[in-house]
Amino acid sequence: MKTPRYTLVFLLAVLSCSSPKKTVQTPSIPTGLAPETFSYQDNGITYVMQKYFLVLLKKGPNRTQSKEDAEEIQKKHMEHLSWLHQNGKISLAGPMDKHETISGILVFNTPTLREADSLAKLDPAVKSGRLEVETMGWWAAKGSKLE
């Protein structure tokens, strides 16, 4: 039975704004092999929630490179994002629209915050100081997608 899209959107909104209900099981302890998950039941439907890791790519302290150097760093940044995607480490990536401090967002599909943070910090734009990262856990229905 296919769940209406608005039900999933509502469920995600409720879960992000409220405390866990009695029907929420305690999150599993990550073993390093699989992301943390828990199940949620609503009207006889079981949703599996997964912990992803949201990385905010913030404007870093070193943004004084020449135009040519900045373009090369951006090229390497995009190559790094492609590598993360090809290796199944990120589920979403994209730039922000006209934000003062945040340049982009990545959603990592890794078992731990440490792995997501370490991979984000391998980005040539982060290493150069053009970007900084802030990494945090974020729960979503497993297999969620943008429409």
N, C-alpha and C. Protein backbone atom coordinates (compact mmCIF):
# COMPACT_ATOMS: atom_id res chain seq x y z
N MET A 1 0.84 -1.17 0.00
CA MET A 1 0.00 0.00 0.00
C MET A 1 0.89 1.24 0.00
N LYS A 2 0.71 2.11 -0.95
CA LYS A 2 1.50 3.32 -1.05
C LYS A 2 0.95 4.38 -0.10
N THR A 3 1.87 4.99 0.67
CA THR A 3 1.48 6.02 1.61
C THR A 3 1.43 7.36 0.89
N PRO A 4 0.36 8.13 1.07
CA PRO A 4 0.30 9.45 0.43
C PRO A 4 1.48 10.31 0.85
N ARG A 5 1.99 11.10 -0.09
CA ARG A 5 3.16 11.93 0.16
C ARG A 5 2.93 12.88 1.34
N TYR A 6 1.72 13.47 1.43
CA TYR A 6 1.46 14.41 2.51
C TYR A 6 1.55 13.75 3.88
N THR A 7 1.25 12.45 3.97
CA THR A 7 1.36 11.74 5.24
C THR A 7 2.81 11.67 5.67
N LEU A 8 3.72 11.36 4.74
CA LEU A 8 5.13 11.28 5.07
C LEU A 8 5.68 12.65 5.45
N VAL A 9 5.28 13.69 4.73
CA VAL A 9 5.74 15.04 5.04
C VAL A 9 5.25 15.43 6.43
N PHE A 10 3.99 15.14 6.74
CA PHE A 10 3.44 15.44 8.05
C PHE A 10 4.19 14.67 9.13
N LEU A 11 4.44 13.39 8.89
CA LEU A 11 5.15 12.56 9.85
C LEU A 11 6.53 13.14 10.13
N LEU A 12 7.24 13.52 9.10
CA LEU A 12 8.57 14.09 9.29
C LEU A 12 8.50 15.39 10.08
N ALA A 13 7.50 16.21 9.80
CA ALA A 13 7.35 17.47 10.52
C ALA A 13 7.05 17.21 12.00
N VAL A 14 6.17 16.26 12.27
CA VAL A 14 5.81 15.94 13.65
C VAL A 14 7.02 15.38 14.40
N LEU A 15 7.74 14.48 13.76
CA LEU A 15 8.89 13.88 14.43
C LEU A 15 9.99 14.90 14.69
N SER A 16 10.15 15.86 13.80
CA SER A 16 11.21 16.84 14.00
C SER A 16 10.85 17.88 15.05
N CYS A 17 9.57 18.04 15.36
CA CYS A 17 9.14 19.09 16.29
C CYS A 17 8.68 18.56 17.63
N SER A 18 8.53 17.25 17.78
CA SER A 18 7.97 16.74 19.02
C SER A 18 8.90 15.72 19.65
N SER A 19 8.61 15.42 20.88
CA SER A 19 9.38 14.39 21.57
C SER A 19 8.89 13.02 21.11
N PRO A 20 9.73 11.98 21.27
CA PRO A 20 9.33 10.64 20.83
C PRO A 20 8.05 10.16 21.52
N LYS A 21 7.21 9.46 20.78
CA LYS A 21 5.97 8.89 21.30
C LYS A 21 6.26 7.50 21.87
N LYS A 22 5.28 6.92 22.53
CA LYS A 22 5.44 5.58 23.10
C LYS A 22 5.69 4.53 22.04
N THR A 23 5.24 4.77 20.81
CA THR A 23 5.41 3.78 19.76
C THR A 23 6.80 3.82 19.12
N VAL A 24 7.64 4.76 19.55
CA VAL A 24 8.98 4.86 19.00
C VAL A 24 9.90 3.93 19.78
N GLN A 25 10.62 3.08 19.06
CA GLN A 25 11.56 2.18 19.71
C GLN A 25 12.88 2.91 19.93
N THR A 26 13.62 2.48 20.92
CA THR A 26 14.92 3.08 21.20
C THR A 26 15.84 2.88 20.01
N PRO A 27 16.55 3.94 19.60
CA PRO A 27 17.47 3.79 18.47
C PRO A 27 18.48 2.70 18.72
N SER A 28 18.83 2.00 17.65
CA SER A 28 19.82 0.93 17.76
C SER A 28 21.20 1.55 17.93
N ILE A 29 22.08 0.81 18.55
CA ILE A 29 23.45 1.26 18.73
C ILE A 29 24.22 1.00 17.44
N PRO A 30 24.86 2.05 16.87
CA PRO A 30 25.58 1.83 15.62
C PRO A 30 26.73 0.86 15.80
N THR A 31 26.86 -0.07 14.87
CA THR A 31 27.93 -1.05 14.92
C THR A 31 29.07 -0.68 14.00
N GLY A 32 28.92 0.41 13.26
CA GLY A 32 29.92 0.78 12.27
C GLY A 32 29.59 0.19 10.91
N LEU A 33 28.59 -0.69 10.87
CA LEU A 33 28.24 -1.34 9.61
C LEU A 33 27.00 -0.75 8.96
N ALA A 34 26.12 -0.21 9.77
CA ALA A 34 24.86 0.31 9.23
C ALA A 34 24.45 1.55 10.01
N PRO A 35 23.73 2.46 9.35
CA PRO A 35 23.25 3.65 10.05
C PRO A 35 22.26 3.31 11.16
N GLU A 36 22.15 4.17 12.13
CA GLU A 36 21.23 4.02 13.24
C GLU A 36 19.80 4.18 12.73
N THR A 37 18.88 3.34 13.19
CA THR A 37 17.48 3.40 12.77
C THR A 37 16.56 3.16 13.95
N PHE A 38 15.30 3.54 13.79
CA PHE A 38 14.24 3.14 14.71
C PHE A 38 12.95 3.05 13.92
N SER A 39 11.98 2.34 14.47
CA SER A 39 10.68 2.18 13.82
C SER A 39 9.64 3.04 14.51
N TYR A 40 8.70 3.52 13.71
CA TYR A 40 7.60 4.35 14.21
C TYR A 40 6.32 3.82 13.58
N GLN A 41 5.30 3.57 14.41
CA GLN A 41 4.04 3.09 13.88
C GLN A 41 2.97 4.17 13.97
N ASP A 42 2.21 4.31 12.88
CA ASP A 42 1.14 5.28 12.81
C ASP A 42 0.02 4.70 11.96
N ASN A 43 -1.16 4.52 12.56
CA ASN A 43 -2.32 3.97 11.85
C ASN A 43 -1.99 2.66 11.15
N GLY A 44 -1.27 1.80 11.82
CA GLY A 44 -0.97 0.48 11.28
C GLY A 44 0.17 0.46 10.27
N ILE A 45 0.76 1.61 9.99
CA ILE A 45 1.88 1.67 9.05
C ILE A 45 3.17 1.83 9.85
N THR A 46 4.16 1.02 9.53
CA THR A 46 5.45 1.12 10.20
C THR A 46 6.40 1.90 9.32
N TYR A 47 6.96 2.96 9.90
CA TYR A 47 7.95 3.78 9.22
C TYR A 47 9.31 3.45 9.83
N VAL A 48 10.30 3.31 9.01
CA VAL A 48 11.66 3.12 9.51
C VAL A 48 12.38 4.45 9.34
N MET A 49 12.78 5.01 10.45
CA MET A 49 13.52 6.27 10.46
C MET A 49 15.01 5.97 10.51
N GLN A 50 15.79 6.73 9.77
CA GLN A 50 17.24 6.53 9.72
C GLN A 50 17.94 7.83 10.11
N LYS A 51 19.05 7.69 10.81
CA LYS A 51 19.85 8.86 11.18
C LYS A 51 20.83 9.14 10.04
N TYR A 52 20.68 10.31 9.45
CA TYR A 52 21.61 10.81 8.45
C TYR A 52 22.44 11.89 9.13
N PHE A 53 23.41 12.43 8.42
CA PHE A 53 24.22 13.50 8.99
C PHE A 53 24.21 14.69 8.04
N LEU A 54 23.72 15.80 8.58
CA LEU A 54 23.61 17.03 7.84
C LEU A 54 24.91 17.81 8.04
N VAL A 55 25.53 18.21 6.94
CA VAL A 55 26.74 19.01 7.00
C VAL A 55 26.44 20.37 6.39
N LEU A 56 26.64 21.41 7.20
CA LEU A 56 26.54 22.77 6.70
C LEU A 56 27.93 23.18 6.23
N LEU A 57 28.02 23.56 4.97
CA LEU A 57 29.28 24.08 4.43
C LEU A 57 29.23 25.60 4.62
N LYS A 58 29.98 26.08 5.58
CA LYS A 58 29.98 27.50 5.92
C LYS A 58 31.15 28.21 5.26
N LYS A 59 30.96 29.48 4.98
CA LYS A 59 32.05 30.27 4.42
C LYS A 59 33.18 30.32 5.43
N GLY A 60 34.38 29.96 4.97
CA GLY A 60 35.53 29.87 5.86
C GLY A 60 36.30 31.18 5.96
N PRO A 61 37.33 31.18 6.80
CA PRO A 61 38.09 32.40 7.06
C PRO A 61 39.06 32.79 5.94
N ASN A 62 39.37 31.87 5.05
CA ASN A 62 40.35 32.14 3.99
C ASN A 62 39.66 32.18 2.63
N ARG A 63 39.15 33.35 2.27
CA ARG A 63 38.44 33.51 1.00
C ARG A 63 39.10 34.59 0.14
N THR A 64 40.42 34.72 0.28
CA THR A 64 41.15 35.79 -0.43
C THR A 64 41.97 35.25 -1.60
N GLN A 65 41.69 34.02 -2.05
CA GLN A 65 42.43 33.45 -3.16
C GLN A 65 42.18 34.26 -4.43
N SER A 66 43.12 34.15 -5.35
CA SER A 66 42.92 34.77 -6.67
C SER A 66 41.75 34.08 -7.35
N LYS A 67 41.22 34.72 -8.38
CA LYS A 67 40.10 34.14 -9.12
C LYS A 67 40.48 32.77 -9.67
N GLU A 68 41.67 32.64 -10.20
CA GLU A 68 42.14 31.37 -10.78
C GLU A 68 42.24 30.29 -9.70
N ASP A 69 42.81 30.65 -8.54
CA ASP A 69 42.93 29.68 -7.44
C ASP A 69 41.56 29.27 -6.92
N ALA A 70 40.66 30.23 -6.78
CA ALA A 70 39.30 29.93 -6.31
C ALA A 70 38.59 29.00 -7.28
N GLU A 71 38.77 29.22 -8.57
CA GLU A 71 38.17 28.34 -9.57
C GLU A 71 38.73 26.92 -9.49
N GLU A 72 40.02 26.79 -9.24
CA GLU A 72 40.65 25.47 -9.11
C GLU A 72 40.16 24.76 -7.85
N ILE A 73 40.03 25.51 -6.76
CA ILE A 73 39.50 24.93 -5.52
C ILE A 73 38.06 24.47 -5.74
N GLN A 74 37.26 25.26 -6.44
CA GLN A 74 35.87 24.89 -6.73
C GLN A 74 35.81 23.63 -7.58
N LYS A 75 36.69 23.53 -8.56
CA LYS A 75 36.74 22.33 -9.42
C LYS A 75 37.04 21.09 -8.56
N LYS A 76 38.02 21.21 -7.67
CA LYS A 76 38.38 20.08 -6.80
C LYS A 76 37.27 19.77 -5.79
N HIS A 77 36.57 20.81 -5.34
CA HIS A 77 35.43 20.64 -4.44
C HIS A 77 34.35 19.80 -5.15
N MET A 78 34.05 20.14 -6.38
CA MET A 78 33.04 19.40 -7.14
C MET A 78 33.48 17.96 -7.40
N GLU A 79 34.75 17.75 -7.66
CA GLU A 79 35.28 16.39 -7.83
C GLU A 79 35.12 15.59 -6.54
N HIS A 80 35.36 16.23 -5.41
CA HIS A 80 35.20 15.56 -4.11
C HIS A 80 33.73 15.17 -3.89
N LEU A 81 32.81 16.09 -4.19
CA LEU A 81 31.38 15.77 -4.04
C LEU A 81 30.98 14.62 -4.96
N SER A 82 31.50 14.60 -6.18
CA SER A 82 31.22 13.50 -7.11
C SER A 82 31.74 12.18 -6.55
N TRP A 83 32.92 12.22 -5.98
CA TRP A 83 33.51 11.01 -5.38
C TRP A 83 32.64 10.51 -4.22
N LEU A 84 32.18 11.44 -3.36
CA LEU A 84 31.30 11.06 -2.24
C LEU A 84 30.02 10.41 -2.75
N HIS A 85 29.44 11.00 -3.79
CA HIS A 85 28.21 10.46 -4.37
C HIS A 85 28.45 9.08 -4.99
N GLN A 86 29.50 8.94 -5.77
CA GLN A 86 29.81 7.67 -6.43
C GLN A 86 30.05 6.55 -5.42
N ASN A 87 30.54 6.90 -4.25
CA ASN A 87 30.82 5.91 -3.21
C ASN A 87 29.69 5.75 -2.21
N GLY A 88 28.53 6.35 -2.51
CA GLY A 88 27.34 6.16 -1.68
C GLY A 88 27.42 6.82 -0.31
N LYS A 89 28.27 7.83 -0.17
CA LYS A 89 28.43 8.49 1.14
C LYS A 89 27.46 9.65 1.34
N ILE A 90 27.01 10.28 0.25
CA ILE A 90 26.06 11.38 0.39
C ILE A 90 24.77 11.07 -0.36
N SER A 91 23.68 11.55 0.19
CA SER A 91 22.38 11.38 -0.43
C SER A 91 21.92 12.65 -1.14
N LEU A 92 22.33 13.81 -0.64
CA LEU A 92 21.98 15.10 -1.21
C LEU A 92 23.15 16.05 -1.08
N ALA A 93 23.26 16.95 -2.03
CA ALA A 93 24.27 18.01 -1.95
C ALA A 93 23.77 19.18 -2.78
N GLY A 94 24.04 20.39 -2.30
CA GLY A 94 23.65 21.55 -3.09
C GLY A 94 24.02 22.85 -2.42
N PRO A 95 24.15 23.90 -3.24
CA PRO A 95 24.49 25.22 -2.71
C PRO A 95 23.26 25.92 -2.13
N MET A 96 23.51 26.86 -1.23
CA MET A 96 22.44 27.69 -0.68
C MET A 96 22.20 28.85 -1.63
N ASP A 97 21.02 29.42 -1.55
CA ASP A 97 20.67 30.57 -2.37
C ASP A 97 20.82 31.84 -1.54
N LYS A 98 21.85 32.60 -1.82
CA LYS A 98 22.06 33.93 -1.23
C LYS A 98 22.01 33.94 0.30
N HIS A 99 22.78 33.08 0.93
CA HIS A 99 22.87 33.07 2.39
C HIS A 99 24.18 33.72 2.81
N GLU A 100 24.16 34.47 3.88
CA GLU A 100 25.34 35.21 4.31
C GLU A 100 26.50 34.31 4.75
N THR A 101 26.20 33.22 5.46
CA THR A 101 27.28 32.42 6.04
C THR A 101 27.34 30.98 5.57
N ILE A 102 26.22 30.44 5.07
CA ILE A 102 26.21 29.03 4.65
C ILE A 102 26.26 28.96 3.13
N SER A 103 27.26 28.24 2.63
CA SER A 103 27.44 28.11 1.19
C SER A 103 26.68 26.92 0.61
N GLY A 104 26.55 25.84 1.40
CA GLY A 104 25.89 24.66 0.88
C GLY A 104 25.55 23.66 1.97
N ILE A 105 24.85 22.61 1.56
CA ILE A 105 24.42 21.55 2.48
C ILE A 105 24.72 20.20 1.85
N LEU A 106 25.18 19.28 2.69
CA LEU A 106 25.38 17.89 2.30
C LEU A 106 24.59 17.02 3.27
N VAL A 107 23.98 15.96 2.78
CA VAL A 107 23.34 14.97 3.65
C VAL A 107 24.09 13.67 3.46
N PHE A 108 24.81 13.28 4.52
CA PHE A 108 25.61 12.06 4.47
C PHE A 108 24.78 10.86 4.89
N ASN A 109 25.03 9.74 4.24
CA ASN A 109 24.41 8.46 4.55
C ASN A 109 25.54 7.54 5.04
N THR A 110 26.04 7.86 6.25
CA THR A 110 27.13 7.09 6.85
C THR A 110 26.68 6.60 8.22
N PRO A 111 27.34 5.58 8.76
CA PRO A 111 26.93 5.06 10.06
C PRO A 111 27.19 6.00 11.24
N THR A 112 28.19 6.87 11.11
CA THR A 112 28.55 7.70 12.26
C THR A 112 28.78 9.15 11.86
N LEU A 113 28.60 10.03 12.83
CA LEU A 113 28.90 11.44 12.65
C LEU A 113 30.39 11.61 12.37
N ARG A 114 31.20 10.85 13.06
CA ARG A 114 32.66 10.96 12.88
C ARG A 114 33.06 10.70 11.43
N GLU A 115 32.47 9.68 10.81
CA GLU A 115 32.80 9.38 9.41
C GLU A 115 32.33 10.52 8.49
N ALA A 116 31.10 10.99 8.70
CA ALA A 116 30.59 12.09 7.87
C ALA A 116 31.46 13.33 8.01
N ASP A 117 31.80 13.68 9.24
CA ASP A 117 32.61 14.86 9.50
C ASP A 117 34.00 14.71 8.88
N SER A 118 34.60 13.54 9.02
CA SER A 118 35.94 13.29 8.46
C SER A 118 35.92 13.40 6.94
N LEU A 119 34.90 12.82 6.30
CA LEU A 119 34.80 12.89 4.84
C LEU A 119 34.56 14.31 4.37
N ALA A 120 33.74 15.06 5.10
CA ALA A 120 33.48 16.45 4.73
C ALA A 120 34.75 17.28 4.83
N LYS A 121 35.57 16.99 5.83
CA LYS A 121 36.80 17.75 6.03
C LYS A 121 37.90 17.39 5.04
N LEU A 122 37.70 16.34 4.26
CA LEU A 122 38.65 15.99 3.19
C LEU A 122 38.45 16.87 1.96
N ASP A 123 37.37 17.61 1.92
CA ASP A 123 37.05 18.48 0.79
C ASP A 123 38.17 19.52 0.60
N PRO A 124 38.71 19.64 -0.61
CA PRO A 124 39.76 20.63 -0.87
C PRO A 124 39.35 22.07 -0.50
N ALA A 125 38.07 22.40 -0.62
CA ALA A 125 37.62 23.75 -0.25
C ALA A 125 37.69 23.94 1.27
N VAL A 126 37.48 22.87 2.02
CA VAL A 126 37.60 22.93 3.48
C VAL A 126 39.08 23.00 3.85
N LYS A 127 39.89 22.16 3.23
CA LYS A 127 41.33 22.16 3.51
C LYS A 127 41.97 23.51 3.21
N SER A 128 41.47 24.21 2.21
CA SER A 128 42.03 25.51 1.84
C SER A 128 41.55 26.64 2.74
N GLY A 129 40.51 26.37 3.54
CA GLY A 129 39.94 27.40 4.40
C GLY A 129 38.83 28.20 3.76
N ARG A 130 38.49 27.92 2.50
CA ARG A 130 37.36 28.63 1.86
C ARG A 130 36.04 28.23 2.49
N LEU A 131 35.97 26.98 2.99
CA LEU A 131 34.77 26.48 3.65
C LEU A 131 35.13 25.88 5.00
N GLU A 132 34.16 25.88 5.89
CA GLU A 132 34.24 25.18 7.17
C GLU A 132 33.02 24.27 7.24
N VAL A 133 33.08 23.25 8.08
CA VAL A 133 31.93 22.34 8.19
C VAL A 133 31.37 22.35 9.61
N GLU A 134 30.05 22.18 9.66
CA GLU A 134 29.35 21.89 10.91
C GLU A 134 28.51 20.66 10.63
N THR A 135 28.72 19.61 11.42
CA THR A 135 28.07 18.33 11.18
C THR A 135 27.15 17.99 12.34
N MET A 136 25.91 17.55 12.00
CA MET A 136 24.94 17.20 13.03
C MET A 136 24.06 16.04 12.54
N GLY A 137 23.52 15.28 13.49
CA GLY A 137 22.60 14.20 13.15
C GLY A 137 21.26 14.74 12.70
N TRP A 138 20.62 14.01 11.79
CA TRP A 138 19.31 14.41 11.26
C TRP A 138 18.53 13.15 10.92
N TRP A 139 17.32 13.04 11.45
CA TRP A 139 16.48 11.85 11.21
C TRP A 139 15.51 12.10 10.06
N ALA A 140 15.36 11.09 9.20
CA ALA A 140 14.37 11.14 8.12
C ALA A 140 13.90 9.71 7.86
N ALA A 141 12.72 9.60 7.24
CA ALA A 141 12.22 8.27 6.87
C ALA A 141 13.23 7.64 5.92
N LYS A 142 13.61 6.40 6.19
CA LYS A 142 14.60 5.71 5.38
C LYS A 142 14.10 5.67 3.92
N GLY A 143 14.99 6.05 3.02
CA GLY A 143 14.62 6.06 1.61
C GLY A 143 13.89 7.31 1.18
N SER A 144 13.80 8.32 2.05
CA SER A 144 13.12 9.56 1.67
C SER A 144 13.76 10.14 0.42
N LYS A 145 12.94 10.84 -0.38
CA LYS A 145 13.48 11.49 -1.57
C LYS A 145 12.73 12.78 -1.80
N LEU A 146 13.40 13.68 -2.49
CA LEU A 146 12.76 14.94 -2.86
C LEU A 146 11.87 14.72 -4.07
N GLU A 147 10.78 15.40 -4.12
CA GLU A 147 9.89 15.30 -5.28
C GLU A 147 9.59 16.68 -5.79
